[in-house]
């Protein structure tokens, strides 16, 4: 004989599960992020994403600025024989223009791209081709790019000094950077020129080294116009550390660009005892702190707030061979639904 109470309980439980499933399946409507922020809100793009209707709808609804993820970097533009390839970066510039997005361009000189073309050069020829490459790229997008990451990631991984690279070996540790800014300024005098790096919030030693480098380059006359902090946030750093770096950077009175924000839920290597809820709480707290610190800047110093991807599945973190398909480092999930990280950003944008 069936226990009627047990049957009713099981039926109600099933109905509850169905309601939960339906609730999860119902899209949540949120206002455009760009309508809530008193500054440009950016994301990155690759040309292959332009043909994805879901990506296109999210990117154009929520963002007002676009950064080429990699197709405006030297590895794409400069060919092994020294010729330039412009098809993809040109398409990105046209896409941004046609959709009313301002374009932030990255990057002119990056230690990690010690290109074979430059490896074959030396002396005055190296210097001339270095100048010519920067001039060609910056001048091509003059009037289209509002800003450039001119030198990317010059500080050593642990923050102890600067990186040794092909360009520093040929032109000097500070010399290659000063020269890059001078050439970029001559080619595109109206663009805001950025010194850009990562782990500046995560590692106070690296953040301090970066700011000392910035001060030294400015004193040497380098036409640096802005500070770029990538903000690939480590969600386990202490509360207050991110805001402290933003305050220190603000003392230079330069525009600040949060240039590549994401916040992985993963912990690499060691066993992770945290619950999913604990990881989300850490993530949203760190992202809210960064957003609030950016909001607290004077309006003239809020260049843009850029998230490094639209959906979780667009993230470079999800292309890692170690990825288990569960990381959620961005503002929207694979179904275009806002994540708790989106809510953390929006919460910090609202007046207290």
C-alpha atoms as a PDB file:
ATOM      1  CA  UNK A   1       0.000   0.000   0.000  1.00  0.00           C
ATOM      2  CA  UNK A   2       1.315   3.466  -0.928  1.00  0.00           C
ATOM      3  CA  UNK A   3       1.904   5.908   1.922  1.00  0.00           C
ATOM      4  CA  UNK A   4      -0.174   8.906   0.789  1.00  0.00           C
ATOM      5  CA  UNK A   5       1.907  11.395   2.761  1.00  0.00           C
ATOM      6  CA  UNK A   6       5.114  10.029   1.320  1.00  0.00           C
ATOM      7  CA  UNK A   7       3.627  10.130  -2.162  1.00  0.00           C
ATOM      8  CA  UNK A   8       2.534  13.765  -1.755  1.00  0.00           C
ATOM      9  CA  UNK A   9       5.907  14.696  -0.324  1.00  0.00           C
ATOM     10  CA  UNK A  10       7.717  13.111  -3.250  1.00  0.00           C
ATOM     11  CA  UNK A  11       5.364  14.811  -5.723  1.00  0.00           C
ATOM     12  CA  UNK A  12       5.896  18.215  -4.111  1.00  0.00           C
ATOM     13  CA  UNK A  13       9.637  17.663  -4.067  1.00  0.00           C
ATOM     14  CA  UNK A  14       9.583  16.775  -7.769  1.00  0.00           C
ATOM     15  CA  UNK A  15       7.511  19.865  -8.538  1.00  0.00           C
ATOM     16  CA  UNK A  16      10.001  21.950  -6.582  1.00  0.00           C
ATOM     17  CA  UNK A  17      12.863  20.519  -8.589  1.00  0.00           C
ATOM     18  CA  UNK A  18      11.012  21.294 -11.796  1.00  0.00           C
ATOM     19  CA  UNK A  19      10.394  24.871 -10.654  1.00  0.00           C
ATOM     20  CA  UNK A  20      14.078  25.255  -9.811  1.00  0.00           C
ATOM     21  CA  UNK A  21      15.049  23.874 -13.198  1.00  0.00           C
ATOM     22  CA  UNK A  22      12.617  26.204 -14.945  1.00  0.00           C
ATOM     23  CA  UNK A  23      13.887  29.156 -12.932  1.00  0.00           C
ATOM     24  CA  UNK A  24      17.440  28.351 -13.924  1.00  0.00           C
ATOM     25  CA  UNK A  25      16.414  28.004 -17.549  1.00  0.00           C
ATOM     26  CA  UNK A  26      14.587  31.355 -17.585  1.00  0.00           C
ATOM     27  CA  UNK A  27      16.975  34.059 -18.815  1.00  0.00           C
ATOM     28  CA  UNK A  28      17.608  36.834 -16.318  1.00  0.00           C
ATOM     29  CA  UNK A  29      17.277  40.258 -17.874  1.00  0.00           C
ATOM     30  CA  UNK A  30      19.872  42.760 -16.719  1.00  0.00           C
ATOM     31  CA  UNK A  31      20.499  46.323 -17.888  1.00  0.00           C
ATOM     32  CA  UNK A  32      23.414  46.954 -20.247  1.00  0.00           C
ATOM     33  CA  UNK A  33      26.577  47.161 -18.174  1.00  0.00           C
ATOM     34  CA  UNK A  34      27.747  50.173 -20.166  1.00  0.00           C
ATOM     35  CA  UNK A  35      24.612  52.054 -19.121  1.00  0.00           C
ATOM     36  CA  UNK A  36      25.489  51.631 -15.442  1.00  0.00           C
ATOM     37  CA  UNK A  37      29.165  52.615 -15.531  1.00  0.00           C
ATOM     38  CA  UNK A  38      30.275  56.271 -15.615  1.00  0.00           C
ATOM     39  CA  UNK A  39      33.294  55.243 -17.698  1.00  0.00           C
ATOM     40  CA  UNK A  40      33.981  53.039 -20.744  1.00  0.00           C
ATOM     41  CA  UNK A  41      33.469  49.311 -20.148  1.00  0.00           C
ATOM     42  CA  UNK A  42      35.508  47.071 -22.405  1.00  0.00           C
ATOM     43  CA  UNK A  43      36.055  43.520 -23.490  1.00  0.00           C
ATOM     44  CA  UNK A  44      38.456  41.757 -25.849  1.00  0.00           C
ATOM     45  CA  UNK A  45      37.726  40.150 -29.188  1.00  0.00           C
ATOM     46  CA  UNK A  46      39.038  37.912 -31.921  1.00  0.00           C
ATOM     47  CA  UNK A  47      37.656  38.184 -35.446  1.00  0.00           C
ATOM     48  CA  UNK A  48      36.254  34.649 -35.356  1.00  0.00           C
ATOM     49  CA  UNK A  49      33.817  35.752 -32.654  1.00  0.00           C
ATOM     50  CA  UNK A  50      32.184  38.348 -34.908  1.00  0.00           C
ATOM     51  CA  UNK A  51      30.225  35.569 -36.630  1.00  0.00           C
ATOM     52  CA  UNK A  52      28.842  34.193 -33.341  1.00  0.00           C
ATOM     53  CA  UNK A  53      25.365  35.736 -32.829  1.00  0.00           C
ATOM     54  CA  UNK A  54      25.384  35.073 -29.069  1.00  0.00           C
ATOM     55  CA  UNK A  55      28.771  36.735 -28.596  1.00  0.00           C
ATOM     56  CA  UNK A  56      27.777  39.615 -30.847  1.00  0.00           C
ATOM     57  CA  UNK A  57      24.573  40.296 -28.919  1.00  0.00           C
ATOM     58  CA  UNK A  58      26.328  40.351 -25.538  1.00  0.00           C
ATOM     59  CA  UNK A  59      29.366  42.331 -26.671  1.00  0.00           C
ATOM     60  CA  UNK A  60      27.405  45.097 -28.355  1.00  0.00           C
ATOM     61  CA  UNK A  61      24.759  45.326 -25.620  1.00  0.00           C
ATOM     62  CA  UNK A  62      27.049  45.495 -22.597  1.00  0.00           C
ATOM     63  CA  UNK A  63      30.375  46.980 -23.719  1.00  0.00           C
ATOM     64  CA  UNK A  64      31.503  50.313 -25.126  1.00  0.00           C
ATOM     65  CA  UNK A  65      35.176  49.546 -25.820  1.00  0.00           C
ATOM     66  CA  UNK A  66      36.997  46.763 -27.654  1.00  0.00           C
ATOM     67  CA  UNK A  67      40.561  45.474 -27.332  1.00  0.00           C
ATOM     68  CA  UNK A  68      41.983  43.033 -29.914  1.00  0.00           C
ATOM     69  CA  UNK A  69      42.869  39.927 -27.898  1.00  0.00           C
ATOM     70  CA  UNK A  70      45.891  38.964 -29.998  1.00  0.00           C
ATOM     71  CA  UNK A  71      45.391  39.897 -33.663  1.00  0.00           C
ATOM     72  CA  UNK A  72      47.011  43.318 -33.239  1.00  0.00           C
ATOM     73  CA  UNK A  73      50.096  41.889 -31.563  1.00  0.00           C
ATOM     74  CA  UNK A  74      53.445  41.417 -33.267  1.00  0.00           C
ATOM     75  CA  UNK A  75      53.001  37.649 -33.508  1.00  0.00           C
ATOM     76  CA  UNK A  76      50.121  38.269 -35.930  1.00  0.00           C
ATOM     77  CA  UNK A  77      51.169  41.392 -37.805  1.00  0.00           C
ATOM     78  CA  UNK A  78      54.887  40.819 -38.398  1.00  0.00           C
ATOM     79  CA  UNK A  79      55.751  38.044 -40.844  1.00  0.00           C
ATOM     80  CA  UNK A  80      59.013  36.115 -40.892  1.00  0.00           C
ATOM     81  CA  UNK A  81      60.263  38.132 -43.878  1.00  0.00           C
ATOM     82  CA  UNK A  82      59.438  41.481 -42.260  1.00  0.00           C
ATOM     83  CA  UNK A  83      56.194  42.108 -44.138  1.00  0.00           C
ATOM     84  CA  UNK A  84      53.035  43.154 -42.259  1.00  0.00           C
ATOM     85  CA  UNK A  85      49.696  41.351 -42.171  1.00  0.00           C
ATOM     86  CA  UNK A  86      46.760  43.702 -41.658  1.00  0.00           C
ATOM     87  CA  UNK A  87      43.610  41.721 -42.476  1.00  0.00           C
ATOM     88  CA  UNK A  88      42.454  40.784 -38.951  1.00  0.00           C
ATOM     89  CA  UNK A  89      43.460  44.009 -37.143  1.00  0.00           C
ATOM     90  CA  UNK A  90      41.820  46.038 -39.891  1.00  0.00           C
ATOM     91  CA  UNK A  91      38.641  43.989 -39.506  1.00  0.00           C
ATOM     92  CA  UNK A  92      38.629  44.616 -35.750  1.00  0.00           C
ATOM     93  CA  UNK A  93      39.036  48.359 -36.284  1.00  0.00           C
ATOM     94  CA  UNK A  94      36.142  48.384 -38.765  1.00  0.00           C
ATOM     95  CA  UNK A  95      33.962  46.278 -36.447  1.00  0.00           C
ATOM     96  CA  UNK A  96      34.582  48.688 -33.573  1.00  0.00           C
ATOM     97  CA  UNK A  97      33.776  51.692 -35.742  1.00  0.00           C
ATOM     98  CA  UNK A  98      30.623  50.139 -37.224  1.00  0.00           C
ATOM     99  CA  UNK A  99      29.275  49.185 -33.787  1.00  0.00           C
ATOM    100  CA  UNK A 100      30.071  52.467 -32.072  1.00  0.00           C
ATOM    101  CA  UNK A 101      32.807  50.975 -29.878  1.00  0.00           C
ATOM    102  CA  UNK A 102      35.990  52.821 -29.105  1.00  0.00           C
ATOM    103  CA  UNK A 103      39.113  50.737 -29.693  1.00  0.00           C
ATOM    104  CA  UNK A 104      41.981  50.259 -27.278  1.00  0.00           C
ATOM    105  CA  UNK A 105      44.914  48.687 -29.092  1.00  0.00           C
ATOM    106  CA  UNK A 106      47.424  46.184 -27.739  1.00  0.00           C
ATOM    107  CA  UNK A 107      50.332  45.712 -27.895  1.00  0.00           C
ATOM    108  CA  UNK A 108      53.344  47.250 -29.620  1.00  0.00           C
ATOM    109  CA  UNK A 109      56.293  45.781 -27.694  1.00  0.00           C
ATOM    110  CA  UNK A 110      56.034  42.683 -25.517  1.00  0.00           C
ATOM    111  CA  UNK A 111      59.037  40.820 -24.156  1.00  0.00           C
ATOM    112  CA  UNK A 112      57.350  37.463 -24.885  1.00  0.00           C
ATOM    113  CA  UNK A 113      57.252  38.126 -28.633  1.00  0.00           C
ATOM    114  CA  UNK A 114      60.927  38.074 -29.516  1.00  0.00           C
ATOM    115  CA  UNK A 115      60.123  37.758 -33.193  1.00  0.00           C
ATOM    116  CA  UNK A 116      62.394  35.787 -35.585  1.00  0.00           C
ATOM    117  CA  UNK A 117      62.579  38.867 -37.834  1.00  0.00           C
ATOM    118  CA  UNK A 118      64.216  40.874 -35.061  1.00  0.00           C
ATOM    119  CA  UNK A 119      66.428  37.994 -33.942  1.00  0.00           C
ATOM    120  CA  UNK A 120      68.148  38.133 -37.316  1.00  0.00           C
ATOM    121  CA  UNK A 121      68.995  41.837 -36.941  1.00  0.00           C
ATOM    122  CA  UNK A 122      71.633  43.712 -34.965  1.00  0.00           C
ATOM    123  CA  UNK A 123      73.056  47.166 -34.343  1.00  0.00           C
ATOM    124  CA  UNK A 124      71.647  50.142 -36.230  1.00  0.00           C
ATOM    125  CA  UNK A 125      69.503  47.892 -38.431  1.00  0.00           C
ATOM    126  CA  UNK A 126      67.758  46.493 -35.348  1.00  0.00           C
ATOM    127  CA  UNK A 127      67.044  49.992 -34.042  1.00  0.00           C
ATOM    128  CA  UNK A 128      65.730  51.213 -37.403  1.00  0.00           C
ATOM    129  CA  UNK A 129      63.402  48.247 -37.841  1.00  0.00           C
ATOM    130  CA  UNK A 130      62.227  48.540 -34.237  1.00  0.00           C
ATOM    131  CA  UNK A 131      61.277  52.162 -34.863  1.00  0.00           C
ATOM    132  CA  UNK A 132      59.685  51.322 -38.213  1.00  0.00           C
ATOM    133  CA  UNK A 133      57.522  48.537 -36.813  1.00  0.00           C
ATOM    134  CA  UNK A 134      56.119  50.722 -34.028  1.00  0.00           C
ATOM    135  CA  UNK A 135      55.551  53.598 -36.440  1.00  0.00           C
ATOM    136  CA  UNK A 136      53.838  51.434 -39.060  1.00  0.00           C
ATOM    137  CA  UNK A 137      51.406  49.860 -36.603  1.00  0.00           C
ATOM    138  CA  UNK A 138      50.576  52.921 -34.507  1.00  0.00           C
ATOM    139  CA  UNK A 139      50.213  55.186 -37.546  1.00  0.00           C
ATOM    140  CA  UNK A 140      47.909  52.747 -39.349  1.00  0.00           C
ATOM    141  CA  UNK A 141      45.334  53.044 -36.553  1.00  0.00           C
ATOM    142  CA  UNK A 142      45.874  56.710 -35.810  1.00  0.00           C
ATOM    143  CA  UNK A 143      42.510  58.291 -35.146  1.00  0.00           C
ATOM    144  CA  UNK A 144      40.939  54.859 -34.596  1.00  0.00           C
ATOM    145  CA  UNK A 145      42.701  53.659 -31.439  1.00  0.00           C
ATOM    146  CA  UNK A 146      42.061  55.855 -28.404  1.00  0.00           C
ATOM    147  CA  UNK A 147      44.963  54.238 -26.595  1.00  0.00           C
ATOM    148  CA  UNK A 148      47.856  51.794 -26.978  1.00  0.00           C
ATOM    149  CA  UNK A 149      49.595  49.355 -24.677  1.00  0.00           C
ATOM    150  CA  UNK A 150      53.014  50.440 -25.860  1.00  0.00           C
ATOM    151  CA  UNK A 151      55.172  48.275 -23.568  1.00  0.00           C
ATOM    152  CA  UNK A 152      53.617  45.186 -22.050  1.00  0.00           C
ATOM    153  CA  UNK A 153      54.797  43.237 -18.979  1.00  0.00           C
ATOM    154  CA  UNK A 154      58.282  44.701 -18.455  1.00  0.00           C
ATOM    155  CA  UNK A 155      58.586  43.664 -14.781  1.00  0.00           C
ATOM    156  CA  UNK A 156      60.014  40.269 -13.784  1.00  0.00           C
ATOM    157  CA  UNK A 157      57.539  37.585 -12.749  1.00  0.00           C
ATOM    158  CA  UNK A 158      58.449  37.772  -9.048  1.00  0.00           C
ATOM    159  CA  UNK A 159      58.745  41.553  -9.102  1.00  0.00           C
ATOM    160  CA  UNK A 160      62.484  41.507  -8.463  1.00  0.00           C
ATOM    161  CA  UNK A 161      63.683  43.847 -11.204  1.00  0.00           C
ATOM    162  CA  UNK A 162      62.863  43.927 -14.903  1.00  0.00           C
ATOM    163  CA  UNK A 163      62.686  41.260 -17.562  1.00  0.00           C
ATOM    164  CA  UNK A 164      65.671  40.613 -19.768  1.00  0.00           C
ATOM    165  CA  UNK A 165      64.518  40.282 -23.373  1.00  0.00           C
ATOM    166  CA  UNK A 166      65.611  40.624 -26.982  1.00  0.00           C
ATOM    167  CA  UNK A 167      64.669  44.308 -27.021  1.00  0.00           C
ATOM    168  CA  UNK A 168      66.402  45.218 -23.756  1.00  0.00           C
ATOM    169  CA  UNK A 169      69.551  43.418 -24.889  1.00  0.00           C
ATOM    170  CA  UNK A 170      69.656  45.440 -28.111  1.00  0.00           C
ATOM    171  CA  UNK A 171      68.484  48.844 -26.879  1.00  0.00           C
ATOM    172  CA  UNK A 172      69.009  48.914 -23.115  1.00  0.00           C
ATOM    173  CA  UNK A 173      66.864  47.943 -20.139  1.00  0.00           C
ATOM    174  CA  UNK A 174      65.043  51.276 -19.971  1.00  0.00           C
ATOM    175  CA  UNK A 175      66.123  52.384 -23.442  1.00  0.00           C
ATOM    176  CA  UNK A 176      63.878  50.032 -25.387  1.00  0.00           C
ATOM    177  CA  UNK A 177      60.855  51.285 -23.434  1.00  0.00           C
ATOM    178  CA  UNK A 178      61.658  54.988 -23.743  1.00  0.00           C
ATOM    179  CA  UNK A 179      62.263  54.524 -27.452  1.00  0.00           C
ATOM    180  CA  UNK A 180      58.979  52.649 -27.929  1.00  0.00           C
ATOM    181  CA  UNK A 181      56.977  55.429 -26.260  1.00  0.00           C
ATOM    182  CA  UNK A 182      58.744  58.107 -28.286  1.00  0.00           C
ATOM    183  CA  UNK A 183      58.031  56.336 -31.566  1.00  0.00           C
ATOM    184  CA  UNK A 184      54.413  55.633 -30.667  1.00  0.00           C
ATOM    185  CA  UNK A 185      53.856  59.245 -29.629  1.00  0.00           C
ATOM    186  CA  UNK A 186      55.273  60.527 -32.913  1.00  0.00           C
ATOM    187  CA  UNK A 187      53.118  58.111 -34.924  1.00  0.00           C
ATOM    188  CA  UNK A 188      49.871  58.679 -33.004  1.00  0.00           C
ATOM    189  CA  UNK A 189      50.167  61.827 -30.875  1.00  0.00           C
ATOM    190  CA  UNK A 190      46.507  61.836 -29.806  1.00  0.00           C
ATOM    191  CA  UNK A 191      46.427  58.304 -28.384  1.00  0.00           C
ATOM    192  CA  UNK A 192      46.867  57.607 -24.660  1.00  0.00           C
ATOM    193  CA  UNK A 193      50.049  55.551 -24.327  1.00  0.00           C
ATOM    194  CA  UNK A 194      50.134  52.912 -21.599  1.00  0.00           C
ATOM    195  CA  UNK A 195      52.719  50.973 -19.642  1.00  0.00           C
ATOM    196  CA  UNK A 196      50.877  47.726 -18.893  1.00  0.00           C
ATOM    197  CA  UNK A 197      51.570  44.723 -16.638  1.00  0.00           C
ATOM    198  CA  UNK A 198      49.924  41.968 -14.589  1.00  0.00           C
ATOM    199  CA  UNK A 199      49.965  40.708 -10.984  1.00  0.00           C
ATOM    200  CA  UNK A 200      50.330  44.284  -9.784  1.00  0.00           C
ATOM    201  CA  UNK A 201      47.506  43.812  -7.272  1.00  0.00           C
ATOM    202  CA  UNK A 202      48.357  40.186  -6.534  1.00  0.00           C
ATOM    203  CA  UNK A 203      52.039  40.767  -5.724  1.00  0.00           C
ATOM    204  CA  UNK A 204      52.842  44.000  -3.811  1.00  0.00           C
ATOM    205  CA  UNK A 205      56.557  43.614  -4.608  1.00  0.00           C
ATOM    206  CA  UNK A 206      55.803  43.555  -8.326  1.00  0.00           C
ATOM    207  CA  UNK A 207      53.368  46.450  -7.998  1.00  0.00           C
ATOM    208  CA  UNK A 208      56.014  48.561  -6.252  1.00  0.00           C
ATOM    209  CA  UNK A 209      58.670  47.699  -8.861  1.00  0.00           C
ATOM    210  CA  UNK A 210      56.256  48.633 -11.636  1.00  0.00           C
ATOM    211  CA  UNK A 211      55.528  52.027 -10.098  1.00  0.00           C
ATOM    212  CA  UNK A 212      59.234  52.732  -9.564  1.00  0.00           C
ATOM    213  CA  UNK A 213      59.840  51.894 -13.218  1.00  0.00           C
ATOM    214  CA  UNK A 214      57.002  54.194 -14.251  1.00  0.00           C
ATOM    215  CA  UNK A 215      58.441  57.050 -12.199  1.00  0.00           C
ATOM    216  CA  UNK A 216      61.908  56.538 -13.671  1.00  0.00           C
ATOM    217  CA  UNK A 217      60.636  56.450 -17.267  1.00  0.00           C
ATOM    218  CA  UNK A 218      58.571  59.590 -16.736  1.00  0.00           C
ATOM    219  CA  UNK A 219      61.597  61.404 -15.299  1.00  0.00           C
ATOM    220  CA  UNK A 220      63.569  60.303 -18.365  1.00  0.00           C
ATOM    221  CA  UNK A 221      60.989  62.022 -20.559  1.00  0.00           C
ATOM    222  CA  UNK A 222      59.094  58.993 -21.866  1.00  0.00           C
ATOM    223  CA  UNK A 223      55.655  60.226 -23.065  1.00  0.00           C
ATOM    224  CA  UNK A 224      53.687  57.744 -20.973  1.00  0.00           C
ATOM    225  CA  UNK A 225      50.061  58.778 -20.740  1.00  0.00           C
ATOM    226  CA  UNK A 226      48.486  56.003 -18.687  1.00  0.00           C
ATOM    227  CA  UNK A 227      48.853  53.043 -16.339  1.00  0.00           C
ATOM    228  CA  UNK A 228      47.532  49.639 -17.374  1.00  0.00           C
ATOM    229  CA  UNK A 229      46.898  46.982 -14.741  1.00  0.00           C
ATOM    230  CA  UNK A 230      45.707  43.724 -16.248  1.00  0.00           C
ATOM    231  CA  UNK A 231      43.927  42.612 -13.057  1.00  0.00           C
ATOM    232  CA  UNK A 232      43.986  38.863 -13.594  1.00  0.00           C
ATOM    233  CA  UNK A 233      42.946  38.664  -9.957  1.00  0.00           C
ATOM    234  CA  UNK A 234      44.077  36.008  -7.519  1.00  0.00           C
ATOM    235  CA  UNK A 235      40.903  35.625  -5.470  1.00  0.00           C
ATOM    236  CA  UNK A 236      42.885  34.499  -2.402  1.00  0.00           C
ATOM    237  CA  UNK A 237      44.840  37.705  -1.885  1.00  0.00           C
ATOM    238  CA  UNK A 238      44.064  39.623   1.332  1.00  0.00           C
ATOM    239  CA  UNK A 239      41.200  42.073   1.403  1.00  0.00           C
ATOM    240  CA  UNK A 240      42.415  45.616   0.805  1.00  0.00           C
ATOM    241  CA  UNK A 241      45.470  44.678  -1.258  1.00  0.00           C
ATOM    242  CA  UNK A 242      43.874  45.497  -4.602  1.00  0.00           C
ATOM    243  CA  UNK A 243      42.546  48.863  -3.432  1.00  0.00           C
ATOM    244  CA  UNK A 244      45.954  49.709  -1.959  1.00  0.00           C
ATOM    245  CA  UNK A 245      47.671  49.272  -5.329  1.00  0.00           C
ATOM    246  CA  UNK A 246      45.065  51.368  -7.151  1.00  0.00           C
ATOM    247  CA  UNK A 247      45.557  54.161  -4.600  1.00  0.00           C
ATOM    248  CA  UNK A 248      49.330  54.072  -5.051  1.00  0.00           C
ATOM    249  CA  UNK A 249      49.007  54.117  -8.842  1.00  0.00           C
ATOM    250  CA  UNK A 250      46.555  57.027  -8.662  1.00  0.00           C
ATOM    251  CA  UNK A 251      49.245  59.248  -7.112  1.00  0.00           C
ATOM    252  CA  UNK A 252      50.780  59.692 -10.572  1.00  0.00           C
ATOM    253  CA  UNK A 253      47.627  61.520 -11.745  1.00  0.00           C
ATOM    254  CA  UNK A 254      47.559  59.454 -14.937  1.00  0.00           C
ATOM    255  CA  UNK A 255      44.561  57.659 -16.450  1.00  0.00           C
ATOM    256  CA  UNK A 256      44.300  54.074 -15.195  1.00  0.00           C
ATOM    257  CA  UNK A 257      43.072  51.181 -17.315  1.00  0.00           C
ATOM    258  CA  UNK A 258      41.860  47.931 -15.758  1.00  0.00           C
ATOM    259  CA  UNK A 259      42.938  46.251 -18.952  1.00  0.00           C
ATOM    260  CA  UNK A 260      42.325  42.468 -18.739  1.00  0.00           C
ATOM    261  CA  UNK A 261      40.103  41.646 -15.773  1.00  0.00           C
ATOM    262  CA  UNK A 262      39.251  38.065 -14.952  1.00  0.00           C
ATOM    263  CA  UNK A 263      39.178  36.087 -11.713  1.00  0.00           C
ATOM    264  CA  UNK A 264      39.671  32.338 -11.874  1.00  0.00           C
ATOM    265  CA  UNK A 265      37.964  30.097  -9.317  1.00  0.00           C
ATOM    266  CA  UNK A 266      40.716  27.498  -9.678  1.00  0.00           C
ATOM    267  CA  UNK A 267      43.714  26.938  -7.458  1.00  0.00           C
ATOM    268  CA  UNK A 268      46.602  25.485  -9.414  1.00  0.00           C
ATOM    269  CA  UNK A 269      48.650  22.661  -8.001  1.00  0.00           C
ATOM    270  CA  UNK A 270      47.707  21.840  -4.418  1.00  0.00           C
ATOM    271  CA  UNK A 271      44.467  20.235  -3.302  1.00  0.00           C
ATOM    272  CA  UNK A 272      41.724  22.808  -2.942  1.00  0.00           C
ATOM    273  CA  UNK A 273      39.560  22.306   0.178  1.00  0.00           C
ATOM    274  CA  UNK A 274      37.331  25.316  -0.520  1.00  0.00           C
ATOM    275  CA  UNK A 275      33.684  24.801  -1.293  1.00  0.00           C
ATOM    276  CA  UNK A 276      32.228  26.289  -4.486  1.00  0.00           C
ATOM    277  CA  UNK A 277      30.459  28.865  -2.320  1.00  0.00           C
ATOM    278  CA  UNK A 278      33.716  29.875  -0.610  1.00  0.00           C
ATOM    279  CA  UNK A 279      35.438  30.323  -3.961  1.00  0.00           C
ATOM    280  CA  UNK A 280      32.602  32.433  -5.330  1.00  0.00           C
ATOM    281  CA  UNK A 281      32.572  34.557  -2.194  1.00  0.00           C
ATOM    282  CA  UNK A 282      36.313  35.180  -2.531  1.00  0.00           C
ATOM    283  CA  UNK A 283      35.948  35.998  -6.214  1.00  0.00           C
ATOM    284  CA  UNK A 284      33.065  38.414  -5.862  1.00  0.00           C
ATOM    285  CA  UNK A 285      34.696  40.172  -2.899  1.00  0.00           C
ATOM    286  CA  UNK A 286      37.946  40.770  -4.800  1.00  0.00           C
ATOM    287  CA  UNK A 287      36.151  41.891  -7.963  1.00  0.00           C
ATOM    288  CA  UNK A 288      33.870  44.217  -5.993  1.00  0.00           C
ATOM    289  CA  UNK A 289      36.935  45.697  -4.278  1.00  0.00           C
ATOM    290  CA  UNK A 290      38.639  46.360  -7.602  1.00  0.00           C
ATOM    291  CA  UNK A 291      35.500  47.919  -9.073  1.00  0.00           C
ATOM    292  CA  UNK A 292      34.983  50.125  -6.025  1.00  0.00           C
ATOM    293  CA  UNK A 293      38.633  51.228  -6.079  1.00  0.00           C
ATOM    294  CA  UNK A 294      38.229  52.169  -9.731  1.00  0.00           C
ATOM    295  CA  UNK A 295      34.997  54.023  -8.967  1.00  0.00           C
ATOM    296  CA  UNK A 296      36.815  55.975  -6.243  1.00  0.00           C
ATOM    297  CA  UNK A 297      39.303  57.400  -8.751  1.00  0.00           C
ATOM    298  CA  UNK A 298      38.771  60.931 -10.048  1.00  0.00           C
ATOM    299  CA  UNK A 299      36.735  60.798 -13.248  1.00  0.00           C
ATOM    300  CA  UNK A 300      39.686  61.959 -15.349  1.00  0.00           C
ATOM    301  CA  UNK A 301      41.712  58.926 -14.222  1.00  0.00           C
ATOM    302  CA  UNK A 302      39.074  56.321 -15.105  1.00  0.00           C
ATOM    303  CA  UNK A 303      40.231  55.486 -18.640  1.00  0.00           C
ATOM    304  CA  UNK A 304      38.315  52.200 -18.967  1.00  0.00           C
ATOM    305  CA  UNK A 305      37.364  49.005 -17.152  1.00  0.00           C
ATOM    306  CA  UNK A 306      38.025  46.037 -19.452  1.00  0.00           C
ATOM    307  CA  UNK A 307      37.022  42.417 -18.840  1.00  0.00           C
ATOM    308  CA  UNK A 308      39.161  39.864 -20.686  1.00  0.00           C
ATOM    309  CA  UNK A 309      36.385  38.059 -22.505  1.00  0.00           C
ATOM    310  CA  UNK A 310      32.605  38.102 -22.692  1.00  0.00           C
ATOM    311  CA  UNK A 311      31.506  34.588 -21.676  1.00  0.00           C
ATOM    312  CA  UNK A 312      33.313  32.121 -19.449  1.00  0.00           C
ATOM    313  CA  UNK A 313      33.853  29.915 -22.493  1.00  0.00           C
ATOM    314  CA  UNK A 314      35.624  32.781 -24.298  1.00  0.00           C
ATOM    315  CA  UNK A 315      38.276  33.076 -21.598  1.00  0.00           C
ATOM    316  CA  UNK A 316      41.928  32.224 -22.225  1.00  0.00           C
ATOM    317  CA  UNK A 317      41.728  30.401 -18.879  1.00  0.00           C
ATOM    318  CA  UNK A 318      39.325  27.911 -20.421  1.00  0.00           C
ATOM    319  CA  UNK A 319      41.779  27.125 -23.234  1.00  0.00           C
ATOM    320  CA  UNK A 320      44.288  25.719 -20.770  1.00  0.00           C
ATOM    321  CA  UNK A 321      44.919  21.986 -21.059  1.00  0.00           C
ATOM    322  CA  UNK A 322      44.260  21.720 -17.310  1.00  0.00           C
ATOM    323  CA  UNK A 323      40.785  23.219 -17.620  1.00  0.00           C
ATOM    324  CA  UNK A 324      37.978  21.013 -16.323  1.00  0.00           C
ATOM    325  CA  UNK A 325      35.245  23.037 -18.009  1.00  0.00           C
ATOM    326  CA  UNK A 326      33.969  24.430 -14.703  1.00  0.00           C
ATOM    327  CA  UNK A 327      35.913  27.638 -14.204  1.00  0.00           C
ATOM    328  CA  UNK A 328      33.830  30.813 -14.282  1.00  0.00           C
ATOM    329  CA  UNK A 329      36.200  33.797 -14.471  1.00  0.00           C
ATOM    330  CA  UNK A 330      34.021  36.290 -16.384  1.00  0.00           C
ATOM    331  CA  UNK A 331      30.737  38.213 -16.253  1.00  0.00           C
ATOM    332  CA  UNK A 332      28.601  35.847 -18.358  1.00  0.00           C
ATOM    333  CA  UNK A 333      28.319  32.074 -18.497  1.00  0.00           C
ATOM    334  CA  UNK A 334      28.144  29.873 -21.585  1.00  0.00           C
ATOM    335  CA  UNK A 335      24.386  30.499 -21.835  1.00  0.00           C
ATOM    336  CA  UNK A 336      24.872  34.295 -21.846  1.00  0.00           C
ATOM    337  CA  UNK A 337      23.525  34.541 -18.311  1.00  0.00           C
ATOM    338  CA  UNK A 338      25.150  36.992 -15.866  1.00  0.00           C
ATOM    339  CA  UNK A 339      27.369  35.332 -13.280  1.00  0.00           C
ATOM    340  CA  UNK A 340      27.812  36.362  -9.627  1.00  0.00           C
ATOM    341  CA  UNK A 341      30.885  38.260 -10.821  1.00  0.00           C
ATOM    342  CA  UNK A 342      28.591  40.443 -12.960  1.00  0.00           C
ATOM    343  CA  UNK A 343      26.497  41.184  -9.886  1.00  0.00           C
ATOM    344  CA  UNK A 344      29.644  42.078  -7.925  1.00  0.00           C
ATOM    345  CA  UNK A 345      30.649  44.641 -10.551  1.00  0.00           C
ATOM    346  CA  UNK A 346      27.160  46.106 -10.773  1.00  0.00           C
ATOM    347  CA  UNK A 347      26.853  46.277  -6.984  1.00  0.00           C
ATOM    348  CA  UNK A 348      30.039  48.323  -6.756  1.00  0.00           C
ATOM    349  CA  UNK A 349      28.853  50.666  -9.508  1.00  0.00           C
ATOM    350  CA  UNK A 350      25.708  51.656  -7.620  1.00  0.00           C
ATOM    351  CA  UNK A 351      25.923  54.694  -5.344  1.00  0.00           C
ATOM    352  CA  UNK A 352      26.091  53.830  -1.629  1.00  0.00           C
END
